Amino acid sequence: MKMHILIRLFSLIFITILLGSCSPVYKITHDLSPPKTASGLICIKGCQAQLNQCNKNCSKRYDQCAIKADQQARKELPNQLQAYPQKLENWLNAKARYQRDLDWYEFRRDMAEARRDRYLNSCLGKGKKRNHCLNSAAYRHEIFAYDRPRFSQPRPIKPTLSSVAAKLRELKCSKSCKCESKYRLCYSSCGGSVKSKKVCIKNCAQ
């Protein structure tokens, strides 16, 4: 592949990454205005008590779930450690196959580029215009004839008690109990005003 094509390709990739990293980031905020009645204010105090209890129960459930996850991790770790060498061997074999495929691809690509250059020189030597030679089927076939092999499989990581437990906690345990949304619903039912809006917090337009 010619240097100017590589430079153009890398430039496109860089621009894509740059644009993606500069996209605005938003979050939803909520403006709460209390009710104007005394009974409404008393009602809101009940909402706050419910919120506190919800957060407390949520934290307790998560801690209990985490304990069970740790216990399950101790049971699963021996089997995962036993299976790890085979997983690593499979990955190494797949990586070796990919490297062989990549070497073969690069060899064929280099040969195709050499044939393409020879064809271009021959075509120009016959007195034909450069655009005609570049757009010919024979020339373009050598550019797009082969697909570059890909390998994106991550290398297996040897399991540990902490890593297995962390994965189980992530799968089985949740800290999201929707306490805040329940509080806002209660707040609104008491006569309070809840206004939601989207606010830019990063990469905001000036």
C-alpha atoms as a PDB file:
ATOM      1  CA  MET A   1       0.000   0.000   0.000  1.00  0.00           C
ATOM      2  CA  LYS A   2       1.373   3.410  -1.010  1.00  0.00           C
ATOM      3  CA  MET A   3       2.405   5.895   1.668  1.00  0.00           C
ATOM      4  CA  HIS A   4      -0.156   8.542   0.649  1.00  0.00           C
ATOM      5  CA  ILE A   5      -2.974   5.991   0.979  1.00  0.00           C
ATOM      6  CA  LEU A   6      -1.771   5.015   4.467  1.00  0.00           C
ATOM      7  CA  ILE A   7      -1.551   8.653   5.510  1.00  0.00           C
ATOM      8  CA  ARG A   8      -5.091   9.297   4.253  1.00  0.00           C
ATOM      9  CA  LEU A   9      -6.412   6.208   6.057  1.00  0.00           C
ATOM     10  CA  PHE A  10      -4.760   7.126   9.352  1.00  0.00           C
ATOM     11  CA  SER A  11      -6.038  10.690   9.014  1.00  0.00           C
ATOM     12  CA  LEU A  12      -9.617   9.471   8.587  1.00  0.00           C
ATOM     13  CA  ILE A  13      -9.306   7.207  11.623  1.00  0.00           C
ATOM     14  CA  PHE A  14      -7.830  10.039  13.711  1.00  0.00           C
ATOM     15  CA  ILE A  15     -10.569  12.464  12.683  1.00  0.00           C
ATOM     16  CA  THR A  16     -13.275   9.900  13.505  1.00  0.00           C
ATOM     17  CA  ILE A  17     -11.814   9.296  16.969  1.00  0.00           C
ATOM     18  CA  LEU A  18     -11.369  13.018  17.548  1.00  0.00           C
ATOM     19  CA  LEU A  19     -14.954  13.828  16.589  1.00  0.00           C
ATOM     20  CA  GLY A  20     -16.274  11.037  18.779  1.00  0.00           C
ATOM     21  CA  SER A  21     -14.248  12.202  21.780  1.00  0.00           C
ATOM     22  CA  CYS A  22     -15.519  15.778  21.314  1.00  0.00           C
ATOM     23  CA  SER A  23     -19.216  14.887  21.302  1.00  0.00           C
ATOM     24  CA  PRO A  24     -21.193  16.658  24.050  1.00  0.00           C
ATOM     25  CA  VAL A  25     -22.003  14.667  27.179  1.00  0.00           C
ATOM     26  CA  TYR A  26     -25.317  15.305  28.917  1.00  0.00           C
ATOM     27  CA  LYS A  27     -27.007  14.360  32.155  1.00  0.00           C
ATOM     28  CA  ILE A  28     -30.576  14.753  33.343  1.00  0.00           C
ATOM     29  CA  THR A  29     -31.067  17.093  36.305  1.00  0.00           C
ATOM     30  CA  HIS A  30     -34.229  17.731  38.297  1.00  0.00           C
ATOM     31  CA  ASP A  31     -35.333  21.032  39.792  1.00  0.00           C
ATOM     32  CA  LEU A  32     -37.648  20.528  42.750  1.00  0.00           C
ATOM     33  CA  SER A  33     -39.914  23.300  44.058  1.00  0.00           C
ATOM     34  CA  PRO A  34     -41.781  22.621  47.343  1.00  0.00           C
ATOM     35  CA  PRO A  35     -45.557  22.850  47.616  1.00  0.00           C
ATOM     36  CA  LYS A  36     -47.085  26.025  49.002  1.00  0.00           C
ATOM     37  CA  THR A  37     -49.294  24.404  51.586  1.00  0.00           C
ATOM     38  CA  ALA A  38     -48.378  23.314  55.110  1.00  0.00           C
ATOM     39  CA  SER A  39     -49.838  19.867  54.505  1.00  0.00           C
ATOM     40  CA  GLY A  40     -47.753  19.568  51.364  1.00  0.00           C
ATOM     41  CA  LEU A  41     -44.577  20.384  53.275  1.00  0.00           C
ATOM     42  CA  ILE A  42     -45.423  17.771  55.882  1.00  0.00           C
ATOM     43  CA  CYS A  43     -46.069  15.285  53.062  1.00  0.00           C
ATOM     44  CA  ILE A  44     -42.630  15.978  51.612  1.00  0.00           C
ATOM     45  CA  LYS A  45     -41.018  15.101  54.952  1.00  0.00           C
ATOM     46  CA  GLY A  46     -42.620  11.700  54.586  1.00  0.00           C
ATOM     47  CA  CYS A  47     -41.131  11.428  51.100  1.00  0.00           C
ATOM     48  CA  GLN A  48     -37.688  12.170  52.530  1.00  0.00           C
ATOM     49  CA  ALA A  49     -38.130   9.489  55.179  1.00  0.00           C
ATOM     50  CA  GLN A  50     -39.137   7.011  52.469  1.00  0.00           C
ATOM     51  CA  LEU A  51     -36.067   7.990  50.438  1.00  0.00           C
ATOM     52  CA  ASN A  52     -33.752   7.429  53.364  1.00  0.00           C
ATOM     53  CA  GLN A  53     -35.302   4.031  54.087  1.00  0.00           C
ATOM     54  CA  CYS A  54     -35.150   3.054  50.397  1.00  0.00           C
ATOM     55  CA  ASN A  55     -31.434   3.894  50.212  1.00  0.00           C
ATOM     56  CA  LYS A  56     -30.798   1.997  53.431  1.00  0.00           C
ATOM     57  CA  ASN A  57     -32.658  -1.099  52.200  1.00  0.00           C
ATOM     58  CA  CYS A  58     -30.945  -0.887  48.814  1.00  0.00           C
ATOM     59  CA  SER A  59     -27.502  -0.779  50.405  1.00  0.00           C
ATOM     60  CA  LYS A  60     -28.396  -3.685  52.679  1.00  0.00           C
ATOM     61  CA  ARG A  61     -29.625  -5.821  49.760  1.00  0.00           C
ATOM     62  CA  TYR A  62     -26.469  -5.089  47.812  1.00  0.00           C
ATOM     63  CA  ASP A  63     -24.246  -6.054  50.738  1.00  0.00           C
ATOM     64  CA  GLN A  64     -26.144  -9.325  51.185  1.00  0.00           C
ATOM     65  CA  CYS A  65     -25.892 -10.043  47.468  1.00  0.00           C
ATOM     66  CA  ALA A  66     -22.171  -9.271  47.519  1.00  0.00           C
ATOM     67  CA  ILE A  67     -21.633 -11.741  50.362  1.00  0.00           C
ATOM     68  CA  LYS A  68     -23.397 -14.466  48.355  1.00  0.00           C
ATOM     69  CA  ALA A  69     -21.319 -13.558  45.308  1.00  0.00           C
ATOM     70  CA  ASP A  70     -18.113 -13.920  47.317  1.00  0.00           C
ATOM     71  CA  GLN A  71     -19.259 -17.311  48.583  1.00  0.00           C
ATOM     72  CA  GLN A  72     -20.124 -18.449  45.060  1.00  0.00           C
ATOM     73  CA  ALA A  73     -16.748 -17.191  43.809  1.00  0.00           C
ATOM     74  CA  ARG A  74     -14.950 -19.462  46.280  1.00  0.00           C
ATOM     75  CA  LYS A  75     -16.872 -22.421  44.881  1.00  0.00           C
ATOM     76  CA  GLU A  76     -16.312 -21.515  41.220  1.00  0.00           C
ATOM     77  CA  LEU A  77     -12.644 -20.499  41.421  1.00  0.00           C
ATOM     78  CA  PRO A  78     -11.143 -24.047  41.407  1.00  0.00           C
ATOM     79  CA  ASN A  79     -13.043 -24.994  38.240  1.00  0.00           C
ATOM     80  CA  GLN A  80     -12.112 -21.734  36.525  1.00  0.00           C
ATOM     81  CA  LEU A  81      -8.450 -22.198  37.443  1.00  0.00           C
ATOM     82  CA  GLN A  82      -8.572 -25.723  36.053  1.00  0.00           C
ATOM     83  CA  ALA A  83     -10.111 -24.496  32.796  1.00  0.00           C
ATOM     84  CA  TYR A  84      -7.740 -21.546  32.409  1.00  0.00           C
ATOM     85  CA  PRO A  85      -4.731 -23.394  30.837  1.00  0.00           C
ATOM     86  CA  GLN A  86      -6.925 -24.790  28.048  1.00  0.00           C
ATOM     87  CA  LYS A  87      -8.470 -21.376  27.390  1.00  0.00           C
ATOM     88  CA  LEU A  88      -5.004 -19.847  27.207  1.00  0.00           C
ATOM     89  CA  GLU A  89      -3.780 -22.580  24.866  1.00  0.00           C
ATOM     90  CA  ASN A  90      -6.800 -22.076  22.596  1.00  0.00           C
ATOM     91  CA  TRP A  91      -6.132 -18.359  22.521  1.00  0.00           C
ATOM     92  CA  LEU A  92      -2.445 -18.840  21.734  1.00  0.00           C
ATOM     93  CA  ASN A  93      -3.323 -21.237  18.911  1.00  0.00           C
ATOM     94  CA  ALA A  94      -5.873 -18.783  17.514  1.00  0.00           C
ATOM     95  CA  LYS A  95      -3.329 -15.959  17.759  1.00  0.00           C
ATOM     96  CA  ALA A  96      -0.733 -18.097  15.959  1.00  0.00           C
ATOM     97  CA  ARG A  97      -3.232 -18.894  13.186  1.00  0.00           C
ATOM     98  CA  TYR A  98      -4.005 -15.208  12.865  1.00  0.00           C
ATOM     99  CA  GLN A  99      -0.303 -14.367  12.589  1.00  0.00           C
ATOM    100  CA  ARG A 100       0.152 -16.981   9.868  1.00  0.00           C
ATOM    101  CA  ASP A 101      -2.894 -15.629   8.034  1.00  0.00           C
ATOM    102  CA  LEU A 102      -1.552 -12.099   8.405  1.00  0.00           C
ATOM    103  CA  ASP A 103       1.862 -13.070   7.050  1.00  0.00           C
ATOM    104  CA  TRP A 104       0.205 -14.803   4.081  1.00  0.00           C
ATOM    105  CA  TYR A 105      -2.040 -11.807   3.496  1.00  0.00           C
ATOM    106  CA  GLU A 106       0.904  -9.394   3.552  1.00  0.00           C
ATOM    107  CA  PHE A 107       2.833 -11.629   1.159  1.00  0.00           C
ATOM    108  CA  ARG A 108      -0.106 -11.745  -1.287  1.00  0.00           C
ATOM    109  CA  ARG A 109      -0.650  -8.002  -0.882  1.00  0.00           C
ATOM    110  CA  ASP A 110       2.987  -7.252  -1.678  1.00  0.00           C
ATOM    111  CA  MET A 111       2.856  -9.540  -4.699  1.00  0.00           C
ATOM    112  CA  ALA A 112      -0.397  -7.904  -5.840  1.00  0.00           C
ATOM    113  CA  GLU A 113       1.121  -4.446  -5.470  1.00  0.00           C
ATOM    114  CA  ALA A 114       4.129  -5.555  -7.497  1.00  0.00           C
ATOM    115  CA  ARG A 115       1.839  -6.916 -10.230  1.00  0.00           C
ATOM    116  CA  ARG A 116      -0.198  -3.729 -10.122  1.00  0.00           C
ATOM    117  CA  ASP A 117       2.894  -1.585 -10.545  1.00  0.00           C
ATOM    118  CA  ARG A 118       4.104  -3.753 -13.417  1.00  0.00           C
ATOM    119  CA  TYR A 119       0.699  -3.508 -15.077  1.00  0.00           C
ATOM    120  CA  LEU A 120       0.644   0.276 -14.639  1.00  0.00           C
ATOM    121  CA  ASN A 121       4.098   0.650 -16.153  1.00  0.00           C
ATOM    122  CA  SER A 122       3.151  -1.655 -19.022  1.00  0.00           C
ATOM    123  CA  CYS A 123      -0.102   0.205 -19.630  1.00  0.00           C
ATOM    124  CA  LEU A 124       1.625   3.569 -19.631  1.00  0.00           C
ATOM    125  CA  GLY A 125       4.346   2.146 -21.853  1.00  0.00           C
ATOM    126  CA  LYS A 126       1.713   1.363 -24.469  1.00  0.00           C
ATOM    127  CA  GLY A 127       0.892   5.048 -24.658  1.00  0.00           C
ATOM    128  CA  LYS A 128      -2.391   4.909 -22.763  1.00  0.00           C
ATOM    129  CA  LYS A 129      -3.457   7.706 -20.428  1.00  0.00           C
ATOM    130  CA  ARG A 130      -2.758   7.321 -16.719  1.00  0.00           C
ATOM    131  CA  ASN A 131      -6.440   7.649 -15.699  1.00  0.00           C
ATOM    132  CA  HIS A 132      -7.345   4.881 -18.124  1.00  0.00           C
ATOM    133  CA  CYS A 133      -4.709   2.597 -16.623  1.00  0.00           C
ATOM    134  CA  LEU A 134      -5.679   3.412 -13.013  1.00  0.00           C
ATOM    135  CA  ASN A 135      -9.366   2.768 -13.657  1.00  0.00           C
ATOM    136  CA  SER A 136      -8.870  -0.472 -15.529  1.00  0.00           C
ATOM    137  CA  ALA A 137     -10.344  -3.635 -14.028  1.00  0.00           C
ATOM    138  CA  ALA A 138      -6.967  -5.385 -13.956  1.00  0.00           C
ATOM    139  CA  TYR A 139      -5.357  -2.560 -11.962  1.00  0.00           C
ATOM    140  CA  ARG A 140      -8.211  -2.126  -9.487  1.00  0.00           C
ATOM    141  CA  HIS A 141      -8.549  -5.884  -8.915  1.00  0.00           C
ATOM    142  CA  GLU A 142      -5.058  -5.982  -7.445  1.00  0.00           C
ATOM    143  CA  ILE A 143      -6.021  -3.326  -4.889  1.00  0.00           C
ATOM    144  CA  PHE A 144      -9.213  -4.955  -3.561  1.00  0.00           C
ATOM    145  CA  ALA A 145      -8.508  -8.639  -4.137  1.00  0.00           C
ATOM    146  CA  TYR A 146      -7.646  -9.572  -0.533  1.00  0.00           C
ATOM    147  CA  ASP A 147      -9.218  -8.952   2.882  1.00  0.00           C
ATOM    148  CA  ARG A 148      -6.899  -8.259   5.776  1.00  0.00           C
ATOM    149  CA  PRO A 149      -7.388 -10.829   8.575  1.00  0.00           C
ATOM    150  CA  ARG A 150      -8.646  -9.554  11.916  1.00  0.00           C
ATOM    151  CA  PHE A 151      -8.058 -10.739  15.473  1.00  0.00           C
ATOM    152  CA  SER A 152      -9.843  -9.016  18.342  1.00  0.00           C
ATOM    153  CA  GLN A 153     -10.135 -11.826  20.886  1.00  0.00           C
ATOM    154  CA  PRO A 154      -8.649 -10.623  24.207  1.00  0.00           C
ATOM    155  CA  ARG A 155      -6.033 -12.754  25.941  1.00  0.00           C
ATOM    156  CA  PRO A 156      -7.588 -14.806  28.766  1.00  0.00           C
ATOM    157  CA  ILE A 157      -6.729 -13.523  32.225  1.00  0.00           C
ATOM    158  CA  LYS A 158      -5.949 -15.998  34.969  1.00  0.00           C
ATOM    159  CA  PRO A 159      -8.889 -15.917  37.375  1.00  0.00           C
ATOM    160  CA  THR A 160      -8.452 -14.872  40.973  1.00  0.00           C
ATOM    161  CA  LEU A 161     -10.890 -14.898  43.858  1.00  0.00           C
ATOM    162  CA  SER A 162     -11.310 -11.124  43.662  1.00  0.00           C
ATOM    163  CA  SER A 163     -11.845 -11.092  39.876  1.00  0.00           C
ATOM    164  CA  VAL A 164     -14.402 -13.913  39.967  1.00  0.00           C
ATOM    165  CA  ALA A 165     -16.245 -12.283  42.862  1.00  0.00           C
ATOM    166  CA  ALA A 166     -16.236  -8.906  41.128  1.00  0.00           C
ATOM    167  CA  LYS A 167     -17.711 -10.405  37.957  1.00  0.00           C
ATOM    168  CA  LEU A 168     -20.433 -12.192  39.927  1.00  0.00           C
ATOM    169  CA  ARG A 169     -21.291  -9.005  41.819  1.00  0.00           C
ATOM    170  CA  GLU A 170     -21.537  -7.157  38.526  1.00  0.00           C
ATOM    171  CA  LEU A 171     -23.870  -9.807  37.094  1.00  0.00           C
ATOM    172  CA  LYS A 172     -26.044 -10.489  40.132  1.00  0.00           C
ATOM    173  CA  CYS A 173     -25.974  -7.402  42.359  1.00  0.00           C
ATOM    174  CA  SER A 174     -27.339  -3.940  41.680  1.00  0.00           C
ATOM    175  CA  LYS A 175     -27.094  -0.652  43.539  1.00  0.00           C
ATOM    176  CA  SER A 176     -29.916   0.812  41.472  1.00  0.00           C
ATOM    177  CA  CYS A 177     -33.172   0.701  43.434  1.00  0.00           C
ATOM    178  CA  LYS A 178     -34.776   3.749  41.775  1.00  0.00           C
ATOM    179  CA  CYS A 179     -35.011   5.479  45.131  1.00  0.00           C
ATOM    180  CA  GLU A 180     -34.570   8.938  43.620  1.00  0.00           C
ATOM    181  CA  SER A 181     -37.278   8.437  41.000  1.00  0.00           C
ATOM    182  CA  LYS A 182     -39.662   7.153  43.694  1.00  0.00           C
ATOM    183  CA  TYR A 183     -38.841  10.218  45.775  1.00  0.00           C
ATOM    184  CA  ARG A 184     -39.604  12.576  42.896  1.00  0.00           C
ATOM    185  CA  LEU A 185     -42.905  10.805  42.294  1.00  0.00           C
ATOM    186  CA  CYS A 186     -43.790  11.147  45.961  1.00  0.00           C
ATOM    187  CA  TYR A 187     -42.652  14.789  45.924  1.00  0.00           C
ATOM    188  CA  SER A 188     -44.921  15.521  42.991  1.00  0.00           C
ATOM    189  CA  SER A 189     -47.893  13.762  44.617  1.00  0.00           C
ATOM    190  CA  CYS A 190     -47.453  16.059  47.616  1.00  0.00           C
ATOM    191  CA  GLY A 191     -48.018  19.080  45.396  1.00  0.00           C
ATOM    192  CA  GLY A 192     -44.368  19.878  44.717  1.00  0.00           C
ATOM    193  CA  SER A 193     -43.061  20.760  41.285  1.00  0.00           C
ATOM    194  CA  VAL A 194     -40.500  18.523  39.551  1.00  0.00           C
ATOM    195  CA  LYS A 195     -38.935  19.840  36.359  1.00  0.00           C
ATOM    196  CA  SER A 196     -36.421  17.709  34.466  1.00  0.00           C
ATOM    197  CA  LYS A 197     -33.908  19.054  31.995  1.00  0.00           C
ATOM    198  CA  LYS A 198     -30.896  17.865  30.034  1.00  0.00           C
ATOM    199  CA  VAL A 199     -27.667  19.641  30.958  1.00  0.00           C
ATOM    200  CA  CYS A 200     -24.374  19.455  29.102  1.00  0.00           C
ATOM    201  CA  ILE A 201     -21.515  18.529  31.442  1.00  0.00           C
ATOM    202  CA  LYS A 202     -18.640  17.873  29.006  1.00  0.00           C
ATOM    203  CA  ASN A 203     -17.515  19.043  25.537  1.00  0.00           C
ATOM    204  CA  CYS A 204     -20.249  21.664  25.574  1.00  0.00           C
ATOM    205  CA  ALA A 205     -20.602  24.162  22.772  1.00  0.00           C
ATOM    206  CA  GLN A 206     -19.500  27.644  23.811  1.00  0.00           C
END
